[in-house]
Amino acid sequence: MSNKRKQYYAVRSGRESGIYLTWEECKTQVDGYAKAEYKGFGSLEEAEAYMGYVKTAKPSVTKPSGAKPSGAKPSGAKPSGAPKKRRQPASSEHEIRATEMLETSDGLKHVVIYTDGACTGNPGPGGYGVVLLHGENRKELSGGFRLTTNNRMEMLACIVGLRALKEPSAVTLYSDSQYLINGMTKGWARRWKKNNWKKGDDEDVRNPDLWREMLDLCDKHKVKFNWVRGHAGNKENERCDQLARVAALGFEMAIDSVYEAKL
């Protein structure tokens, strides 16, 4: 048995799924929750893999017969001393490609939005961070609440970003929340709405107020949701995380009245 200290607790099924830094936070989400799925890990990478945040490696490719041995240099190859071309990170590539396109084929203005949410304690004080990009234009938004949840802040960050658009737009939106991305891209939110905010097992859907507004905004704008891995060097995602964390530690905090009313 490994003696590696558990520093991350991944909740795959609980009151609020996610990765927590203390057992107390994890216990709040799973204690008394039917069919809870959770596990402790010694590293963030292991916890993210358990949650399904990490993509599996591609299988190795077997070389066909007659292929040159691995040590052989193909014709026209650069000498071994030639400097290697630095590979551009995927996140930067997305940023460049997205900001270059200022208008879509149907005449809609194209806006790139990065979002993130943070919460201390979950539930606890929380905040959101948003970065909007359009060509050379950039806008940052953030806000904090005295008592809320991480998932609500992840969702509110997207809502605030879409609210900021003054006209119908084509939006490429990045978030590191699989809860949000799956809810919108897999059709869960629209099914929940059609089912009067009930899941298939007749369980109440959490955060229906935010899902409802998200759907309304997506009916106004043409939104493409993309998942981006958090804390992986994506400049704008890291900036949103910073904005959200600072907002969660603020002194003048707003009230998440919908959440507090249910306590």
C-alpha atoms as a PDB file:
ATOM      1  CA  MET A   1       0.000   0.000   0.000  1.00  0.00           C
ATOM      2  CA  SER A   2       1.293   3.446  -0.899  1.00  0.00           C
ATOM      3  CA  ASN A   3       2.179   5.747   1.990  1.00  0.00           C
ATOM      4  CA  LYS A   4       1.884   8.817  -0.198  1.00  0.00           C
ATOM      5  CA  ARG A   5      -0.069  11.497   1.608  1.00  0.00           C
ATOM      6  CA  LYS A   6      -3.462  12.245   0.098  1.00  0.00           C
ATOM      7  CA  GLN A   7      -3.661  15.951  -0.750  1.00  0.00           C
ATOM      8  CA  TYR A   8      -6.482  15.924  -3.304  1.00  0.00           C
ATOM      9  CA  TYR A   9      -9.968  14.460  -2.977  1.00  0.00           C
ATOM     10  CA  ALA A  10     -11.866  13.872  -6.206  1.00  0.00           C
ATOM     11  CA  VAL A  11     -15.681  13.659  -5.989  1.00  0.00           C
ATOM     12  CA  ARG A  12     -17.034  12.067  -9.145  1.00  0.00           C
ATOM     13  CA  SER A  13     -20.582  11.779  -7.773  1.00  0.00           C
ATOM     14  CA  GLY A  14     -21.779  13.876  -4.828  1.00  0.00           C
ATOM     15  CA  ARG A  15     -23.625  17.052  -3.922  1.00  0.00           C
ATOM     16  CA  GLU A  16     -21.085  19.109  -5.906  1.00  0.00           C
ATOM     17  CA  SER A  17     -18.593  17.174  -8.041  1.00  0.00           C
ATOM     18  CA  GLY A  18     -15.025  18.421  -8.250  1.00  0.00           C
ATOM     19  CA  ILE A  19     -11.565  18.196  -6.696  1.00  0.00           C
ATOM     20  CA  TYR A  20     -11.099  19.318  -3.081  1.00  0.00           C
ATOM     21  CA  LEU A  21      -7.969  20.050  -1.078  1.00  0.00           C
ATOM     22  CA  THR A  22      -9.168  18.770   2.324  1.00  0.00           C
ATOM     23  CA  TRP A  23     -11.072  15.742   3.552  1.00  0.00           C
ATOM     24  CA  GLU A  24     -13.507  18.026   5.395  1.00  0.00           C
ATOM     25  CA  GLU A  25     -14.559  19.682   2.112  1.00  0.00           C
ATOM     26  CA  CYS A  26     -14.863  16.309   0.415  1.00  0.00           C
ATOM     27  CA  LYS A  27     -16.872  14.846   3.282  1.00  0.00           C
ATOM     28  CA  THR A  28     -19.395  17.674   3.011  1.00  0.00           C
ATOM     29  CA  GLN A  29     -20.144  16.608  -0.557  1.00  0.00           C
ATOM     30  CA  VAL A  30     -20.386  12.830  -0.026  1.00  0.00           C
ATOM     31  CA  ASP A  31     -21.494  12.214   3.564  1.00  0.00           C
ATOM     32  CA  GLY A  32     -25.012  10.778   3.427  1.00  0.00           C
ATOM     33  CA  TYR A  33     -25.169  11.118  -0.379  1.00  0.00           C
ATOM     34  CA  ALA A  34     -26.551   7.982  -2.020  1.00  0.00           C
ATOM     35  CA  LYS A  35     -24.164   6.308  -4.488  1.00  0.00           C
ATOM     36  CA  ALA A  36     -21.381   8.792  -3.822  1.00  0.00           C
ATOM     37  CA  GLU A  37     -18.161   8.193  -5.782  1.00  0.00           C
ATOM     38  CA  TYR A  38     -14.949   9.724  -4.472  1.00  0.00           C
ATOM     39  CA  LYS A  39     -11.291   8.956  -3.855  1.00  0.00           C
ATOM     40  CA  GLY A  40      -8.183  10.539  -2.351  1.00  0.00           C
ATOM     41  CA  PHE A  41      -4.942  11.061  -4.296  1.00  0.00           C
ATOM     42  CA  GLY A  42      -1.410  12.252  -3.679  1.00  0.00           C
ATOM     43  CA  SER A  43      -1.186  14.351  -6.827  1.00  0.00           C
ATOM     44  CA  LEU A  44      -3.448  16.640  -8.830  1.00  0.00           C
ATOM     45  CA  GLU A  45      -2.713  14.674 -12.001  1.00  0.00           C
ATOM     46  CA  GLU A  46      -4.075  11.459 -10.454  1.00  0.00           C
ATOM     47  CA  ALA A  47      -7.188  13.250  -9.211  1.00  0.00           C
ATOM     48  CA  GLU A  48      -7.820  14.817 -12.624  1.00  0.00           C
ATOM     49  CA  ALA A  49      -7.380  11.439 -14.321  1.00  0.00           C
ATOM     50  CA  TYR A  50      -9.964   9.911 -11.948  1.00  0.00           C
ATOM     51  CA  MET A  51     -12.393  12.722 -12.798  1.00  0.00           C
ATOM     52  CA  GLY A  52     -11.801  12.199 -16.509  1.00  0.00           C
ATOM     53  CA  TYR A  53     -10.163  15.593 -17.012  1.00  0.00           C
ATOM     54  CA  VAL A  54      -7.002  14.082 -18.518  1.00  0.00           C
ATOM     55  CA  LYS A  55      -7.056  12.638 -21.999  1.00  0.00           C
ATOM     56  CA  THR A  56      -5.561   9.186 -22.418  1.00  0.00           C
ATOM     57  CA  ALA A  57      -2.414   8.875 -24.477  1.00  0.00           C
ATOM     58  CA  LYS A  58      -2.648   7.835 -28.078  1.00  0.00           C
ATOM     59  CA  PRO A  59      -1.748   4.204 -28.742  1.00  0.00           C
ATOM     60  CA  SER A  60       1.685   3.594 -30.220  1.00  0.00           C
ATOM     61  CA  VAL A  61       1.847   3.035 -33.959  1.00  0.00           C
ATOM     62  CA  THR A  62       3.564  -0.074 -35.296  1.00  0.00           C
ATOM     63  CA  LYS A  63       5.918   0.679 -38.168  1.00  0.00           C
ATOM     64  CA  PRO A  64       5.195  -1.207 -41.386  1.00  0.00           C
ATOM     65  CA  SER A  65       7.680  -3.774 -42.607  1.00  0.00           C
ATOM     66  CA  GLY A  66      10.489  -2.229 -44.597  1.00  0.00           C
ATOM     67  CA  ALA A  67      10.458   0.943 -42.553  1.00  0.00           C
ATOM     68  CA  LYS A  68      13.822   2.517 -41.839  1.00  0.00           C
ATOM     69  CA  PRO A  69      15.370   1.669 -38.471  1.00  0.00           C
ATOM     70  CA  SER A  70      14.866   4.275 -35.797  1.00  0.00           C
ATOM     71  CA  GLY A  71      18.484   5.437 -36.029  1.00  0.00           C
ATOM     72  CA  ALA A  72      18.375   6.075 -39.782  1.00  0.00           C
ATOM     73  CA  LYS A  73      17.986   9.670 -40.950  1.00  0.00           C
ATOM     74  CA  PRO A  74      15.461  10.367 -43.741  1.00  0.00           C
ATOM     75  CA  SER A  75      16.750  12.117 -46.822  1.00  0.00           C
ATOM     76  CA  GLY A  76      16.784  15.890 -46.437  1.00  0.00           C
ATOM     77  CA  ALA A  77      16.753  15.644 -42.633  1.00  0.00           C
ATOM     78  CA  LYS A  78      18.370  18.435 -40.672  1.00  0.00           C
ATOM     79  CA  PRO A  79      21.740  17.606 -39.087  1.00  0.00           C
ATOM     80  CA  SER A  80      21.586  16.543 -35.465  1.00  0.00           C
ATOM     81  CA  GLY A  81      22.989  19.869 -34.325  1.00  0.00           C
ATOM     82  CA  ALA A  82      20.206  21.907 -35.966  1.00  0.00           C
ATOM     83  CA  PRO A  83      17.936  23.680 -33.470  1.00  0.00           C
ATOM     84  CA  LYS A  84      14.493  22.163 -33.077  1.00  0.00           C
ATOM     85  CA  LYS A  85      11.456  24.269 -33.822  1.00  0.00           C
ATOM     86  CA  ARG A  86       9.622  25.086 -30.610  1.00  0.00           C
ATOM     87  CA  ARG A  87       6.125  23.657 -30.590  1.00  0.00           C
ATOM     88  CA  GLN A  88       3.400  26.232 -30.026  1.00  0.00           C
ATOM     89  CA  PRO A  89       1.145  25.267 -27.063  1.00  0.00           C
ATOM     90  CA  ALA A  90      -2.380  24.288 -28.104  1.00  0.00           C
ATOM     91  CA  SER A  91      -3.902  26.964 -25.874  1.00  0.00           C
ATOM     92  CA  SER A  92      -1.931  29.763 -27.562  1.00  0.00           C
ATOM     93  CA  GLU A  93      -2.879  28.388 -30.961  1.00  0.00           C
ATOM     94  CA  HIS A  94      -6.550  28.596 -29.992  1.00  0.00           C
ATOM     95  CA  GLU A  95      -6.134  32.169 -28.797  1.00  0.00           C
ATOM     96  CA  ILE A  96      -4.430  33.284 -32.032  1.00  0.00           C
ATOM     97  CA  ARG A  97      -6.898  31.556 -34.323  1.00  0.00           C
ATOM     98  CA  ALA A  98      -9.928  32.783 -32.372  1.00  0.00           C
ATOM     99  CA  THR A  99      -8.928  36.435 -32.114  1.00  0.00           C
ATOM    100  CA  GLU A 100      -7.956  36.683 -35.774  1.00  0.00           C
ATOM    101  CA  MET A 101     -11.534  36.016 -36.904  1.00  0.00           C
ATOM    102  CA  LEU A 102     -13.413  39.246 -36.198  1.00  0.00           C
ATOM    103  CA  GLU A 103     -16.590  38.382 -38.061  1.00  0.00           C
ATOM    104  CA  THR A 104     -18.264  35.109 -39.005  1.00  0.00           C
ATOM    105  CA  SER A 105     -19.654  34.213 -42.434  1.00  0.00           C
ATOM    106  CA  ASP A 106     -23.171  35.143 -41.294  1.00  0.00           C
ATOM    107  CA  GLY A 107     -22.047  38.646 -40.290  1.00  0.00           C
ATOM    108  CA  LEU A 108     -21.993  38.104 -36.517  1.00  0.00           C
ATOM    109  CA  LYS A 109     -19.213  39.686 -34.505  1.00  0.00           C
ATOM    110  CA  HIS A 110     -16.901  36.961 -33.151  1.00  0.00           C
ATOM    111  CA  VAL A 111     -15.982  37.210 -29.486  1.00  0.00           C
ATOM    112  CA  VAL A 112     -13.751  34.896 -27.447  1.00  0.00           C
ATOM    113  CA  ILE A 113     -14.666  34.487 -23.773  1.00  0.00           C
ATOM    114  CA  TYR A 114     -12.588  32.777 -21.082  1.00  0.00           C
ATOM    115  CA  THR A 115     -14.259  32.100 -17.730  1.00  0.00           C
ATOM    116  CA  ASP A 116     -13.506  30.587 -14.349  1.00  0.00           C
ATOM    117  CA  GLY A 117     -15.063  30.308 -10.910  1.00  0.00           C
ATOM    118  CA  ALA A 118     -13.603  29.804  -7.444  1.00  0.00           C
ATOM    119  CA  CYS A 119     -14.977  29.023  -4.012  1.00  0.00           C
ATOM    120  CA  THR A 120     -13.378  28.805  -0.577  1.00  0.00           C
ATOM    121  CA  GLY A 121     -14.888  25.865   1.282  1.00  0.00           C
ATOM    122  CA  ASN A 122     -17.501  25.010  -1.377  1.00  0.00           C
ATOM    123  CA  PRO A 123     -19.943  26.157  -0.129  1.00  0.00           C
ATOM    124  CA  GLY A 124     -18.276  29.311   1.070  1.00  0.00           C
ATOM    125  CA  PRO A 125     -17.155  32.716  -0.221  1.00  0.00           C
ATOM    126  CA  GLY A 126     -16.839  32.555  -3.999  1.00  0.00           C
ATOM    127  CA  GLY A 127     -15.931  34.575  -7.053  1.00  0.00           C
ATOM    128  CA  TYR A 128     -15.889  34.553 -10.829  1.00  0.00           C
ATOM    129  CA  GLY A 129     -13.461  35.863 -13.439  1.00  0.00           C
ATOM    130  CA  VAL A 130     -14.092  36.638 -17.119  1.00  0.00           C
ATOM    131  CA  VAL A 131     -11.888  37.752 -20.007  1.00  0.00           C
ATOM    132  CA  LEU A 132     -13.542  38.918 -23.264  1.00  0.00           C
ATOM    133  CA  LEU A 133     -11.474  39.254 -26.445  1.00  0.00           C
ATOM    134  CA  HIS A 134     -12.398  40.805 -29.792  1.00  0.00           C
ATOM    135  CA  GLY A 135      -9.476  41.673 -32.043  1.00  0.00           C
ATOM    136  CA  GLU A 136      -7.294  44.102 -30.087  1.00  0.00           C
ATOM    137  CA  ASN A 137     -10.085  44.817 -27.600  1.00  0.00           C
ATOM    138  CA  ARG A 138      -9.958  43.202 -24.177  1.00  0.00           C
ATOM    139  CA  LYS A 139     -12.274  43.407 -21.172  1.00  0.00           C
ATOM    140  CA  GLU A 140     -12.003  41.781 -17.751  1.00  0.00           C
ATOM    141  CA  LEU A 141     -14.903  41.239 -15.340  1.00  0.00           C
ATOM    142  CA  SER A 142     -15.067  39.761 -11.845  1.00  0.00           C
ATOM    143  CA  GLY A 143     -17.257  39.668  -8.749  1.00  0.00           C
ATOM    144  CA  GLY A 144     -17.523  37.956  -5.370  1.00  0.00           C
ATOM    145  CA  PHE A 145     -20.297  36.467  -3.222  1.00  0.00           C
ATOM    146  CA  ARG A 146     -20.319  35.872   0.520  1.00  0.00           C
ATOM    147  CA  LEU A 147     -21.769  32.337   0.305  1.00  0.00           C
ATOM    148  CA  THR A 148     -22.125  30.197  -2.799  1.00  0.00           C
ATOM    149  CA  THR A 149     -20.669  27.104  -4.532  1.00  0.00           C
ATOM    150  CA  ASN A 150     -17.914  26.518  -7.048  1.00  0.00           C
ATOM    151  CA  ASN A 151     -20.322  25.257  -9.720  1.00  0.00           C
ATOM    152  CA  ARG A 152     -22.507  28.336  -9.378  1.00  0.00           C
ATOM    153  CA  MET A 153     -19.476  30.573  -9.837  1.00  0.00           C
ATOM    154  CA  GLU A 154     -18.340  28.604 -12.901  1.00  0.00           C
ATOM    155  CA  MET A 155     -21.785  29.078 -14.433  1.00  0.00           C
ATOM    156  CA  LEU A 156     -22.165  32.704 -13.401  1.00  0.00           C
ATOM    157  CA  ALA A 157     -18.812  33.541 -14.994  1.00  0.00           C
ATOM    158  CA  CYS A 158     -20.173  32.382 -18.361  1.00  0.00           C
ATOM    159  CA  ILE A 159     -23.456  34.186 -17.845  1.00  0.00           C
ATOM    160  CA  VAL A 160     -21.717  37.452 -16.949  1.00  0.00           C
ATOM    161  CA  GLY A 161     -19.523  37.155 -20.046  1.00  0.00           C
ATOM    162  CA  LEU A 162     -22.516  36.608 -22.332  1.00  0.00           C
ATOM    163  CA  ARG A 163     -24.510  39.360 -20.619  1.00  0.00           C
ATOM    164  CA  ALA A 164     -21.725  41.809 -21.458  1.00  0.00           C
ATOM    165  CA  LEU A 165     -22.315  41.427 -25.209  1.00  0.00           C
ATOM    166  CA  LYS A 166     -24.364  44.330 -26.530  1.00  0.00           C
ATOM    167  CA  GLU A 167     -25.566  42.564 -29.683  1.00  0.00           C
ATOM    168  CA  PRO A 168     -26.085  38.990 -30.896  1.00  0.00           C
ATOM    169  CA  SER A 169     -22.621  37.532 -31.437  1.00  0.00           C
ATOM    170  CA  ALA A 170     -20.760  34.370 -32.372  1.00  0.00           C
ATOM    171  CA  VAL A 171     -18.945  33.289 -29.220  1.00  0.00           C
ATOM    172  CA  THR A 172     -16.135  30.844 -28.604  1.00  0.00           C
ATOM    173  CA  LEU A 173     -16.293  30.216 -24.878  1.00  0.00           C
ATOM    174  CA  TYR A 174     -13.622  28.421 -22.844  1.00  0.00           C
ATOM    175  CA  SER A 175     -14.182  26.964 -19.359  1.00  0.00           C
ATOM    176  CA  ASP A 176     -12.361  24.376 -17.251  1.00  0.00           C
ATOM    177  CA  SER A 177     -15.654  23.199 -15.698  1.00  0.00           C
ATOM    178  CA  GLN A 178     -16.811  19.872 -17.097  1.00  0.00           C
ATOM    179  CA  TYR A 179     -20.044  20.333 -15.124  1.00  0.00           C
ATOM    180  CA  LEU A 180     -20.815  23.374 -17.263  1.00  0.00           C
ATOM    181  CA  ILE A 181     -19.405  22.133 -20.566  1.00  0.00           C
ATOM    182  CA  ASN A 182     -21.165  18.762 -20.409  1.00  0.00           C
ATOM    183  CA  GLY A 183     -24.435  20.357 -19.361  1.00  0.00           C
ATOM    184  CA  MET A 184     -24.437  22.566 -22.449  1.00  0.00           C
ATOM    185  CA  THR A 185     -22.768  20.417 -25.117  1.00  0.00           C
ATOM    186  CA  LYS A 186     -24.444  17.100 -24.300  1.00  0.00           C
ATOM    187  CA  GLY A 187     -27.948  18.530 -24.194  1.00  0.00           C
ATOM    188  CA  TRP A 188     -28.450  17.889 -20.492  1.00  0.00           C
ATOM    189  CA  ALA A 189     -29.599  21.421 -19.673  1.00  0.00           C
ATOM    190  CA  ARG A 190     -32.261  21.480 -22.393  1.00  0.00           C
ATOM    191  CA  ARG A 191     -33.561  18.059 -21.323  1.00  0.00           C
ATOM    192  CA  TRP A 192     -33.714  19.207 -17.702  1.00  0.00           C
ATOM    193  CA  LYS A 193     -35.656  22.295 -18.726  1.00  0.00           C
ATOM    194  CA  LYS A 194     -38.079  20.214 -20.786  1.00  0.00           C
ATOM    195  CA  ASN A 195     -38.521  17.900 -17.792  1.00  0.00           C
ATOM    196  CA  ASN A 196     -39.342  20.828 -15.482  1.00  0.00           C
ATOM    197  CA  TRP A 197     -35.827  20.782 -13.969  1.00  0.00           C
ATOM    198  CA  LYS A 198     -35.934  17.138 -12.967  1.00  0.00           C
ATOM    199  CA  LYS A 199     -33.328  14.485 -13.774  1.00  0.00           C
ATOM    200  CA  GLY A 200     -34.258  11.065 -15.093  1.00  0.00           C
ATOM    201  CA  ASP A 201     -34.448   9.636 -11.573  1.00  0.00           C
ATOM    202  CA  ASP A 202     -36.883  12.446 -10.617  1.00  0.00           C
ATOM    203  CA  GLU A 203     -34.152  14.168  -8.605  1.00  0.00           C
ATOM    204  CA  ASP A 204     -34.192  17.966  -8.603  1.00  0.00           C
ATOM    205  CA  VAL A 205     -31.626  19.614 -10.865  1.00  0.00           C
ATOM    206  CA  ARG A 206     -29.220  21.870  -9.013  1.00  0.00           C
ATOM    207  CA  ASN A 207     -28.883  25.514 -10.043  1.00  0.00           C
ATOM    208  CA  PRO A 208     -31.935  25.683 -12.340  1.00  0.00           C
ATOM    209  CA  ASP A 209     -31.920  29.503 -12.159  1.00  0.00           C
ATOM    210  CA  LEU A 210     -28.484  29.653 -13.756  1.00  0.00           C
ATOM    211  CA  TRP A 211     -29.125  26.888 -16.299  1.00  0.00           C
ATOM    212  CA  ARG A 212     -32.295  28.724 -17.367  1.00  0.00           C
ATOM    213  CA  GLU A 213     -30.467  32.011 -17.946  1.00  0.00           C
ATOM    214  CA  MET A 214     -27.608  30.226 -19.707  1.00  0.00           C
ATOM    215  CA  LEU A 215     -30.040  28.656 -22.171  1.00  0.00           C
ATOM    216  CA  ASP A 216     -31.770  31.995 -22.760  1.00  0.00           C
ATOM    217  CA  LEU A 217     -28.430  33.658 -23.541  1.00  0.00           C
ATOM    218  CA  CYS A 218     -27.463  30.819 -25.880  1.00  0.00           C
ATOM    219  CA  ASP A 219     -30.718  31.372 -27.760  1.00  0.00           C
ATOM    220  CA  LYS A 220     -29.613  34.986 -28.281  1.00  0.00           C
ATOM    221  CA  HIS A 221     -25.986  34.258 -29.161  1.00  0.00           C
ATOM    222  CA  LYS A 222     -24.308  31.541 -31.211  1.00  0.00           C
ATOM    223  CA  VAL A 223     -22.078  29.931 -28.572  1.00  0.00           C
ATOM    224  CA  LYS A 224     -19.486  27.208 -29.010  1.00  0.00           C
ATOM    225  CA  PHE A 225     -18.423  25.750 -25.652  1.00  0.00           C
ATOM    226  CA  ASN A 226     -14.888  24.393 -25.260  1.00  0.00           C
ATOM    227  CA  TRP A 227     -13.294  22.675 -22.271  1.00  0.00           C
ATOM    228  CA  VAL A 228      -9.792  23.813 -21.376  1.00  0.00           C
ATOM    229  CA  ARG A 229      -7.721  22.073 -18.742  1.00  0.00           C
ATOM    230  CA  GLY A 230      -7.252  24.287 -15.700  1.00  0.00           C
ATOM    231  CA  HIS A 231      -3.810  25.206 -14.348  1.00  0.00           C
ATOM    232  CA  ALA A 232      -2.123  23.958 -17.517  1.00  0.00           C
ATOM    233  CA  GLY A 233      -0.443  27.148 -18.687  1.00  0.00           C
ATOM    234  CA  ASN A 234      -3.303  28.670 -20.671  1.00  0.00           C
ATOM    235  CA  LYS A 235      -2.674  32.393 -20.182  1.00  0.00           C
ATOM    236  CA  GLU A 236      -6.279  33.564 -20.237  1.00  0.00           C
ATOM    237  CA  ASN A 237      -7.586  30.665 -18.146  1.00  0.00           C
ATOM    238  CA  GLU A 238      -4.928  31.435 -15.527  1.00  0.00           C
ATOM    239  CA  ARG A 239      -5.959  35.101 -15.565  1.00  0.00           C
ATOM    240  CA  CYS A 240      -9.608  34.190 -15.025  1.00  0.00           C
ATOM    241  CA  ASP A 241      -8.603  31.941 -12.134  1.00  0.00           C
ATOM    242  CA  GLN A 242      -6.664  34.830 -10.586  1.00  0.00           C
ATOM    243  CA  LEU A 243      -9.605  37.212 -10.977  1.00  0.00           C
ATOM    244  CA  ALA A 244     -12.006  34.687  -9.445  1.00  0.00           C
ATOM    245  CA  ARG A 245      -9.781  33.928  -6.448  1.00  0.00           C
ATOM    246  CA  VAL A 246      -9.170  37.585  -5.672  1.00  0.00           C
ATOM    247  CA  ALA A 247     -12.913  38.284  -5.910  1.00  0.00           C
ATOM    248  CA  ALA A 248     -13.644  35.404  -3.522  1.00  0.00           C
ATOM    249  CA  LEU A 249     -11.441  37.095  -0.910  1.00  0.00           C
ATOM    250  CA  GLY A 250     -13.030  40.524  -1.238  1.00  0.00           C
ATOM    251  CA  PHE A 251     -14.531  42.606   1.546  1.00  0.00           C
ATOM    252  CA  GLU A 252     -17.663  43.892  -0.194  1.00  0.00           C
ATOM    253  CA  MET A 253     -19.361  40.649  -1.214  1.00  0.00           C
ATOM    254  CA  ALA A 254     -22.668  40.318  -3.034  1.00  0.00           C
ATOM    255  CA  ILE A 255     -25.395  37.936  -1.852  1.00  0.00           C
ATOM    256  CA  ASP A 256     -26.234  34.831  -3.858  1.00  0.00           C
ATOM    257  CA  SER A 257     -29.868  35.161  -2.829  1.00  0.00           C
ATOM    258  CA  VAL A 258     -31.089  32.094  -4.757  1.00  0.00           C
ATOM    259  CA  TYR A 259     -28.538  29.829  -3.095  1.00  0.00           C
ATOM    260  CA  GLU A 260     -28.940  31.278   0.404  1.00  0.00           C
ATOM    261  CA  ALA A 261     -32.736  31.068   0.213  1.00  0.00           C
ATOM    262  CA  LYS A 262     -32.480  27.265  -0.044  1.00  0.00           C
ATOM    263  CA  LEU A 263     -30.321  26.860   3.080  1.00  0.00           C
END
